[in-house]
Amino acid sequence: MQEDRKRAVEEQFDRDSHGYLERYLTKESIRETKRVIKLIESDSKYERVLDIGCGPGTISPNLLEISEQVYGIDISGDMVKIASD
C-alpha cells in the first residue's frame, strides 16, 4: 500500500509540474528565499549542497552563492527536468 501511495504522490507532482511555477512561485519563493538569505548572511561556504524536494529549482541560483555545486532531488522526475533547464 505504501508503494501505491508513493507512486500516486509522484504522479500528482508530475501532472502539476508544468503549471507549478505559475501557481506556487510566490509562496515558495518567499519561504525559500528567507531560508537561503539566512545561509548567505552566515558567510558559510559549502563544497556541495543538496536541495531535497527541489521542485522546479527555484532556489538553485541562490544556493550557488554559497556553494560551488548544487544537487537537487525530487519525487517528481518532471520537476527535476524543469530545474535542470
Protein backbone atom coordinates (compact mmCIF):
# COMPACT_ATOMS: atom_id res chain seq x y z
CA MET A 1 0.00 0.00 0.00
CA GLN A 2 2.80 2.44 0.84
CA GLU A 3 4.35 1.97 -2.61
CA ASP A 4 0.97 2.77 -4.23
CA ARG A 5 0.74 5.97 -2.18
CA LYS A 6 4.29 6.98 -3.13
CA ARG A 7 3.52 6.43 -6.80
CA ALA A 8 0.30 8.47 -6.50
CA VAL A 9 2.23 11.40 -5.00
CA GLU A 10 4.87 11.17 -7.72
CA GLU A 11 2.20 11.14 -10.43
CA GLN A 12 0.44 14.13 -8.85
CA PHE A 13 3.62 16.23 -8.87
CA ASP A 14 4.45 15.10 -12.42
CA ARG A 15 0.99 16.27 -13.55
CA ASP A 16 1.32 19.57 -11.70
CA SER A 17 4.93 20.25 -12.69
CA HIS A 18 4.19 22.22 -15.85
CA GLY A 19 1.96 24.78 -14.14
CA TYR A 20 3.66 24.63 -10.75
CA LEU A 21 5.69 27.82 -11.04
CA GLU A 22 2.73 29.94 -12.09
CA ARG A 23 0.59 28.70 -9.20
CA TYR A 24 3.10 28.44 -6.37
CA LEU A 25 6.08 30.64 -7.18
CA THR A 26 5.17 33.44 -4.78
CA LYS A 27 4.56 31.26 -1.71
CA GLU A 28 7.52 29.01 -2.43
CA SER A 29 9.85 31.87 -3.28
CA ILE A 30 9.22 33.83 -0.12
CA ARG A 31 9.74 30.86 2.20
CA GLU A 32 12.76 29.51 0.35
CA THR A 33 14.38 32.91 -0.10
CA LYS A 34 14.20 33.56 3.65
CA ARG A 35 15.99 30.26 4.32
CA VAL A 36 18.69 30.97 1.75
CA ILE A 37 19.21 34.54 2.96
CA LYS A 38 19.98 33.20 6.43
CA LEU A 39 22.59 30.88 4.95
CA ILE A 40 24.14 33.62 2.79
CA GLU A 41 24.27 36.06 5.69
CA SER A 42 26.08 33.50 7.83
CA ASP A 43 29.09 33.77 5.47
CA SER A 44 29.25 29.98 5.40
CA LYS A 45 30.51 28.36 2.23
CA TYR A 46 29.86 24.78 1.28
CA GLU A 47 31.54 22.48 -1.20
CA ARG A 48 28.22 20.85 -2.16
CA VAL A 49 24.57 21.49 -1.34
CA LEU A 50 21.73 19.00 -1.66
CA ASP A 51 18.29 20.54 -2.18
CA ILE A 52 15.89 17.80 -1.08
CA GLY A 53 12.47 18.33 -2.64
CA CYS A 54 13.94 20.82 -5.10
CA GLY A 55 10.77 21.11 -7.14
CA PRO A 56 11.41 23.25 -10.20
CA GLY A 57 14.72 24.55 -8.80
CA THR A 58 13.57 27.99 -7.74
CA ILE A 59 16.33 28.40 -5.15
CA SER A 60 19.19 26.80 -7.06
CA PRO A 61 20.61 30.13 -8.30
CA ASN A 62 20.66 31.41 -4.71
CA LEU A 63 22.30 28.23 -3.43
CA LEU A 64 25.08 28.71 -5.96
CA GLU A 65 26.05 31.83 -4.00
CA ILE A 66 27.11 29.64 -1.06
CA SER A 67 28.26 26.51 -2.85
CA GLU A 68 30.16 25.51 -5.95
CA GLN A 69 27.89 22.54 -6.60
CA VAL A 70 24.14 22.27 -6.09
CA TYR A 71 22.29 18.99 -6.47
CA GLY A 72 18.52 18.76 -6.44
CA ILE A 73 16.34 15.72 -5.90
CA ASP A 74 12.58 15.47 -6.01
CA ILE A 75 9.99 12.71 -6.12
CA SER A 76 8.83 14.12 -9.44
CA GLY A 77 11.09 13.47 -12.39
CA ASP A 78 9.28 16.20 -14.31
CA MET A 79 10.13 18.75 -11.59
CA VAL A 80 13.80 17.78 -11.79
CA LYS A 81 13.72 18.22 -15.58
CA ILE A 82 12.34 21.75 -15.13
CA ALA A 83 15.01 22.50 -12.51
CA SER A 84 17.74 21.25 -14.85
CA ASP A 85 16.72 23.52 -17.74
